C-alpha atoms as a PDB file:
ATOM      1  CA  UNK A   1      15.916 -23.552 -11.479  1.00  0.00           C
ATOM      2  CA  UNK A   2      12.259 -24.375 -12.121  1.00  0.00           C
ATOM      3  CA  UNK A   3       9.979 -25.951  -9.536  1.00  0.00           C
ATOM      4  CA  UNK A   4       8.379 -29.355  -9.808  1.00  0.00           C
ATOM      5  CA  UNK A   5       5.448 -30.813  -7.926  1.00  0.00           C
ATOM      6  CA  UNK A   6       5.839 -34.354  -6.638  1.00  0.00           C
ATOM      7  CA  UNK A   7       2.788 -36.173  -8.077  1.00  0.00           C
ATOM      8  CA  UNK A   8       2.432 -38.585  -5.160  1.00  0.00           C
ATOM      9  CA  UNK A   9       0.291 -37.725  -2.163  1.00  0.00           C
ATOM     10  CA  UNK A  10      -1.907 -39.392   0.423  1.00  0.00           C
ATOM     11  CA  UNK A  11      -5.590 -38.906   1.121  1.00  0.00           C
ATOM     12  CA  UNK A  12      -7.263 -39.534   4.436  1.00  0.00           C
ATOM     13  CA  UNK A  13     -10.657 -38.782   5.920  1.00  0.00           C
ATOM     14  CA  UNK A  14     -10.893 -36.453   8.891  1.00  0.00           C
ATOM     15  CA  UNK A  15     -14.296 -35.929  10.433  1.00  0.00           C
ATOM     16  CA  UNK A  16     -16.947 -35.335   7.796  1.00  0.00           C
ATOM     17  CA  UNK A  17     -14.576 -33.542   5.413  1.00  0.00           C
ATOM     18  CA  UNK A  18     -12.152 -35.106   2.981  1.00  0.00           C
ATOM     19  CA  UNK A  19      -8.637 -33.753   3.589  1.00  0.00           C
ATOM     20  CA  UNK A  20      -5.756 -33.984   1.150  1.00  0.00           C
ATOM     21  CA  UNK A  21      -2.286 -33.881   2.715  1.00  0.00           C
ATOM     22  CA  UNK A  22       0.323 -33.021   0.092  1.00  0.00           C
ATOM     23  CA  UNK A  23       4.099 -32.875   0.142  1.00  0.00           C
ATOM     24  CA  UNK A  24       5.339 -30.567  -2.615  1.00  0.00           C
ATOM     25  CA  UNK A  25       8.964 -31.005  -3.661  1.00  0.00           C
ATOM     26  CA  UNK A  26      11.174 -28.631  -5.676  1.00  0.00           C
ATOM     27  CA  UNK A  27      13.532 -29.995  -8.309  1.00  0.00           C
ATOM     28  CA  UNK A  28      15.352 -28.777 -11.424  1.00  0.00           C
ATOM     29  CA  UNK A  29      12.769 -30.177 -13.805  1.00  0.00           C
ATOM     30  CA  UNK A  30      10.034 -28.211 -15.535  1.00  0.00           C
ATOM     31  CA  UNK A  31       7.095 -26.979 -13.489  1.00  0.00           C
ATOM     32  CA  UNK A  32       4.615 -29.808 -13.061  1.00  0.00           C
ATOM     33  CA  UNK A  33       0.982 -29.725 -12.062  1.00  0.00           C
ATOM     34  CA  UNK A  34      -1.051 -32.253 -10.152  1.00  0.00           C
ATOM     35  CA  UNK A  35      -4.795 -32.771 -10.501  1.00  0.00           C
ATOM     36  CA  UNK A  36      -6.737 -33.400  -7.289  1.00  0.00           C
ATOM     37  CA  UNK A  37     -10.350 -33.601  -6.191  1.00  0.00           C
ATOM     38  CA  UNK A  38     -10.944 -32.771  -2.557  1.00  0.00           C
ATOM     39  CA  UNK A  39     -12.810 -30.612  -0.104  1.00  0.00           C
ATOM     40  CA  UNK A  40      -9.699 -29.465   1.763  1.00  0.00           C
ATOM     41  CA  UNK A  41      -5.971 -29.389   0.991  1.00  0.00           C
ATOM     42  CA  UNK A  42      -2.989 -28.766   3.235  1.00  0.00           C
ATOM     43  CA  UNK A  43       0.618 -29.884   3.185  1.00  0.00           C
ATOM     44  CA  UNK A  44       4.330 -29.108   3.227  1.00  0.00           C
ATOM     45  CA  UNK A  45       6.753 -27.807   0.605  1.00  0.00           C
ATOM     46  CA  UNK A  46      10.243 -29.346   0.615  1.00  0.00           C
ATOM     47  CA  UNK A  47      13.290 -28.729  -1.537  1.00  0.00           C
ATOM     48  CA  UNK A  48      15.200 -31.463  -3.391  1.00  0.00           C
ATOM     49  CA  UNK A  49      17.165 -32.219  -0.204  1.00  0.00           C
ATOM     50  CA  UNK A  50      14.041 -32.608   1.891  1.00  0.00           C
ATOM     51  CA  UNK A  51      14.409 -29.240   3.655  1.00  0.00           C
ATOM     52  CA  UNK A  52      11.401 -27.003   4.291  1.00  0.00           C
ATOM     53  CA  UNK A  53      10.803 -24.152   1.822  1.00  0.00           C
ATOM     54  CA  UNK A  54       9.372 -21.103   3.619  1.00  0.00           C
ATOM     55  CA  UNK A  55       7.561 -18.536   1.511  1.00  0.00           C
ATOM     56  CA  UNK A  56       6.699 -20.932  -1.315  1.00  0.00           C
ATOM     57  CA  UNK A  57       3.518 -20.039  -3.190  1.00  0.00           C
ATOM     58  CA  UNK A  58       0.908 -22.791  -3.507  1.00  0.00           C
ATOM     59  CA  UNK A  59      -1.864 -22.176  -6.019  1.00  0.00           C
ATOM     60  CA  UNK A  60      -5.051 -24.235  -6.274  1.00  0.00           C
ATOM     61  CA  UNK A  61      -7.098 -23.616  -9.402  1.00  0.00           C
ATOM     62  CA  UNK A  62     -10.292 -24.971 -10.946  1.00  0.00           C
ATOM     63  CA  UNK A  63      -9.989 -24.223 -14.693  1.00  0.00           C
ATOM     64  CA  UNK A  64     -13.682 -24.882 -15.310  1.00  0.00           C
ATOM     65  CA  UNK A  65     -15.016 -22.347 -12.816  1.00  0.00           C
ATOM     66  CA  UNK A  66     -12.019 -19.951 -12.856  1.00  0.00           C
ATOM     67  CA  UNK A  67     -11.718 -20.518  -9.109  1.00  0.00           C
ATOM     68  CA  UNK A  68      -8.207 -19.797  -7.785  1.00  0.00           C
ATOM     69  CA  UNK A  69      -6.738 -19.797  -4.277  1.00  0.00           C
ATOM     70  CA  UNK A  70      -3.195 -18.860  -3.287  1.00  0.00           C
ATOM     71  CA  UNK A  71      -1.416 -19.408  -0.003  1.00  0.00           C
ATOM     72  CA  UNK A  72       2.209 -19.145   1.142  1.00  0.00           C
ATOM     73  CA  UNK A  73       4.107 -21.579   3.329  1.00  0.00           C
ATOM     74  CA  UNK A  74       5.239 -20.689   6.848  1.00  0.00           C
ATOM     75  CA  UNK A  75       8.754 -20.881   8.315  1.00  0.00           C
ATOM     76  CA  UNK A  76       8.520 -24.687   8.388  1.00  0.00           C
ATOM     77  CA  UNK A  77       7.337 -25.032   4.782  1.00  0.00           C
ATOM     78  CA  UNK A  78       3.740 -25.775   5.773  1.00  0.00           C
ATOM     79  CA  UNK A  79       0.619 -24.251   4.282  1.00  0.00           C
ATOM     80  CA  UNK A  80      -2.677 -24.150   6.101  1.00  0.00           C
ATOM     81  CA  UNK A  81      -5.773 -26.023   5.047  1.00  0.00           C
ATOM     82  CA  UNK A  82      -7.544 -24.563   2.010  1.00  0.00           C
ATOM     83  CA  UNK A  83     -11.298 -25.055   2.024  1.00  0.00           C
ATOM     84  CA  UNK A  84     -12.394 -25.868  -1.525  1.00  0.00           C
ATOM     85  CA  UNK A  85     -15.814 -26.357  -3.099  1.00  0.00           C
ATOM     86  CA  UNK A  86     -16.321 -29.782  -4.632  1.00  0.00           C
ATOM     87  CA  UNK A  87     -14.575 -29.959  -7.980  1.00  0.00           C
ATOM     88  CA  UNK A  88     -11.387 -30.843  -9.831  1.00  0.00           C
ATOM     89  CA  UNK A  89      -8.367 -28.655  -9.091  1.00  0.00           C
ATOM     90  CA  UNK A  90      -4.853 -28.081 -10.353  1.00  0.00           C
ATOM     91  CA  UNK A  91      -2.199 -27.570  -7.670  1.00  0.00           C
ATOM     92  CA  UNK A  92       1.030 -25.743  -8.550  1.00  0.00           C
ATOM     93  CA  UNK A  93       3.892 -24.532  -6.404  1.00  0.00           C
ATOM     94  CA  UNK A  94       6.492 -21.855  -7.048  1.00  0.00           C
ATOM     95  CA  UNK A  95       8.811 -19.407  -5.324  1.00  0.00           C
ATOM     96  CA  UNK A  96       7.824 -16.511  -7.547  1.00  0.00           C
ATOM     97  CA  UNK A  97       5.713 -14.694  -4.969  1.00  0.00           C
ATOM     98  CA  UNK A  98       2.035 -13.845  -4.799  1.00  0.00           C
ATOM     99  CA  UNK A  99      -0.500 -12.707  -7.361  1.00  0.00           C
ATOM    100  CA  UNK A 100      -2.569  -9.508  -7.403  1.00  0.00           C
ATOM    101  CA  UNK A 101      -6.320 -10.140  -7.576  1.00  0.00           C
ATOM    102  CA  UNK A 102      -9.297  -7.776  -7.837  1.00  0.00           C
ATOM    103  CA  UNK A 103     -11.783  -8.340  -5.005  1.00  0.00           C
ATOM    104  CA  UNK A 104     -15.198  -6.747  -5.358  1.00  0.00           C
ATOM    105  CA  UNK A 105     -17.343  -5.448  -2.529  1.00  0.00           C
ATOM    106  CA  UNK A 106     -20.233  -7.724  -3.507  1.00  0.00           C
ATOM    107  CA  UNK A 107     -18.120 -10.919  -3.458  1.00  0.00           C
ATOM    108  CA  UNK A 108     -19.271 -13.553  -0.934  1.00  0.00           C
ATOM    109  CA  UNK A 109     -17.158 -13.415   2.214  1.00  0.00           C
ATOM    110  CA  UNK A 110     -16.269  -9.721   1.934  1.00  0.00           C
ATOM    111  CA  UNK A 111     -17.288  -7.581   4.909  1.00  0.00           C
ATOM    112  CA  UNK A 112     -16.106  -4.448   6.690  1.00  0.00           C
ATOM    113  CA  UNK A 113     -15.161  -3.590  10.240  1.00  0.00           C
ATOM    114  CA  UNK A 114     -16.433  -0.689  12.299  1.00  0.00           C
ATOM    115  CA  UNK A 115     -15.423   2.851  11.230  1.00  0.00           C
ATOM    116  CA  UNK A 116     -12.053   3.832  12.675  1.00  0.00           C
ATOM    117  CA  UNK A 117     -11.925   6.821  15.005  1.00  0.00           C
ATOM    118  CA  UNK A 118      -9.103   8.796  13.446  1.00  0.00           C
ATOM    119  CA  UNK A 119      -7.070  11.879  14.317  1.00  0.00           C
ATOM    120  CA  UNK A 120      -7.709  13.472  10.930  1.00  0.00           C
ATOM    121  CA  UNK A 121      -9.173  13.059   7.417  1.00  0.00           C
ATOM    122  CA  UNK A 122     -12.502  12.337   9.059  1.00  0.00           C
ATOM    123  CA  UNK A 123     -14.300  13.117   5.822  1.00  0.00           C
ATOM    124  CA  UNK A 124     -12.822   9.901   4.416  1.00  0.00           C
ATOM    125  CA  UNK A 125     -14.321   6.794   6.088  1.00  0.00           C
ATOM    126  CA  UNK A 126     -11.764   4.163   7.080  1.00  0.00           C
ATOM    127  CA  UNK A 127     -12.733   0.560   7.834  1.00  0.00           C
ATOM    128  CA  UNK A 128     -10.922  -2.765   7.929  1.00  0.00           C
ATOM    129  CA  UNK A 129     -11.684  -4.979   4.918  1.00  0.00           C
ATOM    130  CA  UNK A 130     -12.427  -8.506   6.153  1.00  0.00           C
ATOM    131  CA  UNK A 131     -11.960 -11.437   3.751  1.00  0.00           C
ATOM    132  CA  UNK A 132     -13.360 -14.802   4.833  1.00  0.00           C
ATOM    133  CA  UNK A 133     -12.842 -17.604   2.281  1.00  0.00           C
ATOM    134  CA  UNK A 134     -13.596 -15.258  -0.620  1.00  0.00           C
ATOM    135  CA  UNK A 135     -13.660 -17.092  -3.996  1.00  0.00           C
ATOM    136  CA  UNK A 136     -11.967 -14.986  -6.682  1.00  0.00           C
ATOM    137  CA  UNK A 137     -12.080 -15.945 -10.380  1.00  0.00           C
ATOM    138  CA  UNK A 138      -8.700 -16.298 -12.061  1.00  0.00           C
ATOM    139  CA  UNK A 139      -9.907 -13.795 -14.671  1.00  0.00           C
ATOM    140  CA  UNK A 140      -9.500 -11.071 -12.040  1.00  0.00           C
ATOM    141  CA  UNK A 141      -5.762 -11.583 -11.746  1.00  0.00           C
ATOM    142  CA  UNK A 142      -3.699  -8.471 -12.564  1.00  0.00           C
ATOM    143  CA  UNK A 143      -0.637  -9.446 -14.558  1.00  0.00           C
ATOM    144  CA  UNK A 144       1.000 -12.842 -14.386  1.00  0.00           C
ATOM    145  CA  UNK A 145       1.011 -15.218 -11.380  1.00  0.00           C
ATOM    146  CA  UNK A 146       3.803 -14.419  -8.967  1.00  0.00           C
ATOM    147  CA  UNK A 147       4.163 -10.781 -10.041  1.00  0.00           C
ATOM    148  CA  UNK A 148       1.924  -9.268  -7.368  1.00  0.00           C
ATOM    149  CA  UNK A 149       4.668  -7.828  -5.191  1.00  0.00           C
ATOM    150  CA  UNK A 150       6.411  -6.254  -8.159  1.00  0.00           C
ATOM    151  CA  UNK A 151       3.093  -4.776  -9.333  1.00  0.00           C
ATOM    152  CA  UNK A 152       2.376  -3.329  -5.884  1.00  0.00           C
ATOM    153  CA  UNK A 153       5.808  -1.695  -5.686  1.00  0.00           C
ATOM    154  CA  UNK A 154       5.487  -0.286  -9.217  1.00  0.00           C
ATOM    155  CA  UNK A 155       2.176   1.401  -8.420  1.00  0.00           C
ATOM    156  CA  UNK A 156       3.766   3.232  -5.489  1.00  0.00           C
ATOM    157  CA  UNK A 157       5.982   5.193  -7.881  1.00  0.00           C
ATOM    158  CA  UNK A 158       2.776   6.849  -9.116  1.00  0.00           C
ATOM    159  CA  UNK A 159       0.480   6.897  -6.071  1.00  0.00           C
ATOM    160  CA  UNK A 160       3.049   8.525  -3.774  1.00  0.00           C
ATOM    161  CA  UNK A 161       2.816  11.602  -5.974  1.00  0.00           C
ATOM    162  CA  UNK A 162      -0.893  11.907  -5.203  1.00  0.00           C
ATOM    163  CA  UNK A 163      -0.058  12.066  -1.478  1.00  0.00           C
ATOM    164  CA  UNK A 164       2.411  14.850  -2.206  1.00  0.00           C
ATOM    165  CA  UNK A 165      -0.366  16.709  -4.041  1.00  0.00           C
ATOM    166  CA  UNK A 166      -2.725  16.177  -1.105  1.00  0.00           C
ATOM    167  CA  UNK A 167      -0.115  17.551   1.298  1.00  0.00           C
ATOM    168  CA  UNK A 168       0.403  20.611  -0.914  1.00  0.00           C
ATOM    169  CA  UNK A 169      -3.320  21.317  -0.963  1.00  0.00           C
ATOM    170  CA  UNK A 170      -3.560  21.112   2.821  1.00  0.00           C
ATOM    171  CA  UNK A 171      -0.521  23.351   3.282  1.00  0.00           C
ATOM    172  CA  UNK A 172      -1.794  25.912   0.762  1.00  0.00           C
ATOM    173  CA  UNK A 173      -5.092  26.148   2.610  1.00  0.00           C
ATOM    174  CA  UNK A 174      -3.313  26.661   5.932  1.00  0.00           C
ATOM    175  CA  UNK A 175      -0.994  29.320   4.494  1.00  0.00           C
ATOM    176  CA  UNK A 176      -3.854  31.199   2.845  1.00  0.00           C
ATOM    177  CA  UNK A 177      -5.904  31.235   6.037  1.00  0.00           C
ATOM    178  CA  UNK A 178      -2.961  32.270   8.237  1.00  0.00           C
ATOM    179  CA  UNK A 179      -1.956  35.063   5.839  1.00  0.00           C
ATOM    180  CA  UNK A 180      -5.493  36.427   5.840  1.00  0.00           C
ATOM    181  CA  UNK A 181      -5.735  36.203   9.627  1.00  0.00           C
ATOM    182  CA  UNK A 182      -2.509  38.073  10.423  1.00  0.00           C
ATOM    183  CA  UNK A 183      -3.590  40.970   8.218  1.00  0.00           C
ATOM    184  CA  UNK A 184      -6.805  41.341  10.229  1.00  0.00           C
ATOM    185  CA  UNK A 185      -5.531  40.562  13.736  1.00  0.00           C
ATOM    186  CA  UNK A 186      -4.260  43.702  15.515  1.00  0.00           C
ATOM    187  CA  UNK A 187      -1.882  43.870  18.451  1.00  0.00           C
ATOM    188  CA  UNK A 188      -0.089  46.888  19.947  1.00  0.00           C
ATOM    189  CA  UNK A 189      -2.038  49.169  17.648  1.00  0.00           C
ATOM    190  CA  UNK A 190      -1.215  47.525  14.314  1.00  0.00           C
ATOM    191  CA  UNK A 191      -1.828  44.350  12.323  1.00  0.00           C
ATOM    192  CA  UNK A 192       0.466  41.528  13.414  1.00  0.00           C
ATOM    193  CA  UNK A 193       1.359  41.055   9.711  1.00  0.00           C
ATOM    194  CA  UNK A 194       3.552  44.130  10.100  1.00  0.00           C
ATOM    195  CA  UNK A 195       5.812  42.400  12.621  1.00  0.00           C
ATOM    196  CA  UNK A 196       8.994  41.088  11.057  1.00  0.00           C
ATOM    197  CA  UNK A 197       8.878  37.827  13.031  1.00  0.00           C
ATOM    198  CA  UNK A 198       5.464  37.025  11.551  1.00  0.00           C
ATOM    199  CA  UNK A 199       6.653  38.008   8.078  1.00  0.00           C
ATOM    200  CA  UNK A 200       9.628  35.648   8.359  1.00  0.00           C
ATOM    201  CA  UNK A 201       7.315  32.772   9.295  1.00  0.00           C
ATOM    202  CA  UNK A 202       5.049  33.436   6.323  1.00  0.00           C
ATOM    203  CA  UNK A 203       8.004  33.731   3.949  1.00  0.00           C
ATOM    204  CA  UNK A 204       9.442  30.406   5.126  1.00  0.00           C
ATOM    205  CA  UNK A 205       6.044  28.738   4.805  1.00  0.00           C
ATOM    206  CA  UNK A 206       5.559  29.982   1.242  1.00  0.00           C
ATOM    207  CA  UNK A 207       9.138  29.071   0.248  1.00  0.00           C
ATOM    208  CA  UNK A 208       8.772  25.474   1.466  1.00  0.00           C
ATOM    209  CA  UNK A 209       5.370  25.162  -0.187  1.00  0.00           C
ATOM    210  CA  UNK A 210       6.605  26.316  -3.580  1.00  0.00           C
ATOM    211  CA  UNK A 211       9.631  24.011  -3.415  1.00  0.00           C
ATOM    212  CA  UNK A 212       7.347  21.055  -2.649  1.00  0.00           C
ATOM    213  CA  UNK A 213       5.002  22.034  -5.480  1.00  0.00           C
ATOM    214  CA  UNK A 214       7.763  22.158  -8.077  1.00  0.00           C
ATOM    215  CA  UNK A 215       9.233  18.841  -6.894  1.00  0.00           C
ATOM    216  CA  UNK A 216       5.780  17.270  -7.161  1.00  0.00           C
ATOM    217  CA  UNK A 217       5.270  18.669 -10.672  1.00  0.00           C
ATOM    218  CA  UNK A 218       8.612  17.139 -11.662  1.00  0.00           C
ATOM    219  CA  UNK A 219       7.639  13.733 -10.245  1.00  0.00           C
ATOM    220  CA  UNK A 220       4.219  13.944 -11.928  1.00  0.00           C
ATOM    221  CA  UNK A 221       5.867  14.644 -15.290  1.00  0.00           C
ATOM    222  CA  UNK A 222       8.042  11.538 -14.878  1.00  0.00           C
ATOM    223  CA  UNK A 223       4.991   9.502 -13.884  1.00  0.00           C
ATOM    224  CA  UNK A 224       3.104  10.638 -16.976  1.00  0.00           C
ATOM    225  CA  UNK A 225       6.136   9.762 -19.096  1.00  0.00           C
ATOM    226  CA  UNK A 226       6.257   6.245 -17.619  1.00  0.00           C
ATOM    227  CA  UNK A 227       2.491   5.733 -17.982  1.00  0.00           C
ATOM    228  CA  UNK A 228       2.769   6.600 -21.706  1.00  0.00           C
ATOM    229  CA  UNK A 229       5.191   3.718 -22.177  1.00  0.00           C
ATOM    230  CA  UNK A 230       8.462   5.661 -22.166  1.00  0.00           C
ATOM    231  CA  UNK A 231      11.412   5.183 -19.860  1.00  0.00           C
ATOM    232  CA  UNK A 232      11.381   7.537 -16.887  1.00  0.00           C
ATOM    233  CA  UNK A 233      14.730   7.270 -15.100  1.00  0.00           C
ATOM    234  CA  UNK A 234      14.592   8.768 -11.647  1.00  0.00           C
ATOM    235  CA  UNK A 235      10.851   8.228 -11.157  1.00  0.00           C
ATOM    236  CA  UNK A 236      11.244   6.105  -8.009  1.00  0.00           C
ATOM    237  CA  UNK A 237      13.532   8.675  -6.373  1.00  0.00           C
ATOM    238  CA  UNK A 238      11.422  11.651  -7.480  1.00  0.00           C
ATOM    239  CA  UNK A 239       8.117  10.189  -6.291  1.00  0.00           C
ATOM    240  CA  UNK A 240       9.557   9.259  -2.892  1.00  0.00           C
ATOM    241  CA  UNK A 241      11.242  12.654  -2.573  1.00  0.00           C
ATOM    242  CA  UNK A 242       8.059  14.528  -3.501  1.00  0.00           C
ATOM    243  CA  UNK A 243       5.921  12.553  -1.070  1.00  0.00           C
ATOM    244  CA  UNK A 244       8.452  12.824   1.755  1.00  0.00           C
ATOM    245  CA  UNK A 245       9.284  16.508   1.326  1.00  0.00           C
ATOM    246  CA  UNK A 246       5.721  17.661   0.673  1.00  0.00           C
ATOM    247  CA  UNK A 247       4.259  15.838   3.664  1.00  0.00           C
ATOM    248  CA  UNK A 248       6.990  17.023   6.039  1.00  0.00           C
ATOM    249  CA  UNK A 249       6.437  20.520   4.653  1.00  0.00           C
ATOM    250  CA  UNK A 250       2.663  20.274   5.158  1.00  0.00           C
ATOM    251  CA  UNK A 251       3.101  19.224   8.778  1.00  0.00           C
ATOM    252  CA  UNK A 252       5.459  22.148   9.398  1.00  0.00           C
ATOM    253  CA  UNK A 253       3.274  24.723   7.627  1.00  0.00           C
ATOM    254  CA  UNK A 254       0.040  23.673   9.321  1.00  0.00           C
ATOM    255  CA  UNK A 255       1.792  23.726  12.707  1.00  0.00           C
ATOM    256  CA  UNK A 256       3.064  27.234  11.992  1.00  0.00           C
ATOM    257  CA  UNK A 257      -0.424  28.268  10.883  1.00  0.00           C
ATOM    258  CA  UNK A 258      -1.783  27.168  14.264  1.00  0.00           C
ATOM    259  CA  UNK A 259       1.014  29.165  15.908  1.00  0.00           C
ATOM    260  CA  UNK A 260       0.185  32.311  13.908  1.00  0.00           C
ATOM    261  CA  UNK A 261      -3.434  32.147  15.026  1.00  0.00           C
ATOM    262  CA  UNK A 262      -2.375  31.808  18.649  1.00  0.00           C
ATOM    263  CA  UNK A 263      -5.096  30.481  20.923  1.00  0.00           C
ATOM    264  CA  UNK A 264      -7.634  30.640  18.098  1.00  0.00           C
ATOM    265  CA  UNK A 265      -5.502  28.193  16.121  1.00  0.00           C
ATOM    266  CA  UNK A 266      -6.048  25.590  18.826  1.00  0.00           C
ATOM    267  CA  UNK A 267      -9.834  25.634  18.792  1.00  0.00           C
ATOM    268  CA  UNK A 268     -12.218  24.085  16.297  1.00  0.00           C
ATOM    269  CA  UNK A 269     -13.884  27.405  15.536  1.00  0.00           C
ATOM    270  CA  UNK A 270     -10.969  27.962  13.137  1.00  0.00           C
ATOM    271  CA  UNK A 271      -9.920  25.475  10.426  1.00  0.00           C
ATOM    272  CA  UNK A 272      -6.145  25.324  10.852  1.00  0.00           C
ATOM    273  CA  UNK A 273      -6.210  22.791  13.706  1.00  0.00           C
ATOM    274  CA  UNK A 274      -8.091  20.418  11.386  1.00  0.00           C
ATOM    275  CA  UNK A 275      -5.535  21.045   8.653  1.00  0.00           C
ATOM    276  CA  UNK A 276      -2.733  20.166  11.061  1.00  0.00           C
ATOM    277  CA  UNK A 277      -4.476  16.894  11.967  1.00  0.00           C
ATOM    278  CA  UNK A 278      -5.148  16.127   8.305  1.00  0.00           C
ATOM    279  CA  UNK A 279      -1.526  16.781   7.357  1.00  0.00           C
ATOM    280  CA  UNK A 280      -0.205  14.127   9.728  1.00  0.00           C
ATOM    281  CA  UNK A 281      -1.499  11.187   7.715  1.00  0.00           C
ATOM    282  CA  UNK A 282       0.444  12.291   4.643  1.00  0.00           C
ATOM    283  CA  UNK A 283       3.648  11.478   6.543  1.00  0.00           C
ATOM    284  CA  UNK A 284       2.367   7.969   7.234  1.00  0.00           C
ATOM    285  CA  UNK A 285       0.387   6.344   4.451  1.00  0.00           C
ATOM    286  CA  UNK A 286       1.702   5.242   1.062  1.00  0.00           C
ATOM    287  CA  UNK A 287       4.902   4.454   2.945  1.00  0.00           C
ATOM    288  CA  UNK A 288       6.114   6.354   5.987  1.00  0.00           C
ATOM    289  CA  UNK A 289       8.634   9.114   5.434  1.00  0.00           C
ATOM    290  CA  UNK A 290      11.282   6.958   7.070  1.00  0.00           C
ATOM    291  CA  UNK A 291      10.669   4.342   4.360  1.00  0.00           C
ATOM    292  CA  UNK A 292      10.834   7.061   1.690  1.00  0.00           C
ATOM    293  CA  UNK A 293      14.311   7.945   2.886  1.00  0.00           C
ATOM    294  CA  UNK A 294      15.301   4.273   2.664  1.00  0.00           C
ATOM    295  CA  UNK A 295      13.967   4.162  -0.917  1.00  0.00           C
ATOM    296  CA  UNK A 296      15.831   7.323  -1.912  1.00  0.00           C
ATOM    297  CA  UNK A 297      19.083   6.100  -0.347  1.00  0.00           C
ATOM    298  CA  UNK A 298      18.848   2.807  -2.223  1.00  0.00           C
ATOM    299  CA  UNK A 299      18.334   4.656  -5.477  1.00  0.00           C
ATOM    300  CA  UNK A 300      21.392   6.791  -4.811  1.00  0.00           C
ATOM    301  CA  UNK A 301      23.570   3.805  -3.912  1.00  0.00           C
ATOM    302  CA  UNK A 302      22.370   1.438  -6.633  1.00  0.00           C
END
């Protein structure tokens, strides 16, 4: 069923601004568009039976200036007021979802919050991106209107692999440092590397690391295959598995590295405590590891 826009609407003045109150109605006819000229637009989306349509996408576009604004309706089918520069606009409504747009740092209305005080990855600044009525040209749209969510999900199949690689790098650094330390640290008249308990810990660390590395290589090969235009069955599962396993492995290995250094592992004079803090974020961003398990389960049960 396609969506249609009811061409009738009412205009009323409110304060010093001209407001346009629109009721958008879905029907089985072809998608229609309505031309309006106004400073502000807000309204309600209803279905053919007069019921509210939550999650409908309302797009306001000026074809002359490439100005485009998108907003979704709330649980009662309402969309908030859109502040528009003076001009002639096309209003469309659909249930396809949102669009993906490129926003540049220099765009008017773009600003940044204060630096976050984080547990780890302090070498990477993290700030909130604040968008206040940012005009974005339609030419910056990625893909077709309404495909934004699908585009975002598709990119995760590739970007999750980079988090797996990051986790592997952190874990390798922690293993290398711990292995070097235990060969130099002496206790009871010999290097602690000679104790079987320490050797077992190192062996387990290296085994997990190599397993994560090979799983990540496999996922990366599938990603490269998909990026070259070929089908890559299993990419979604492999990328989630690599990210999940590698980040859990990195957290375990860095924690064991701190343990192998004893009290020195807990102080900032030695690097493994930083590696442990850095590893934690790999279990969280690009989808938490709980979400990765949901993704993998869905792939198995599809």
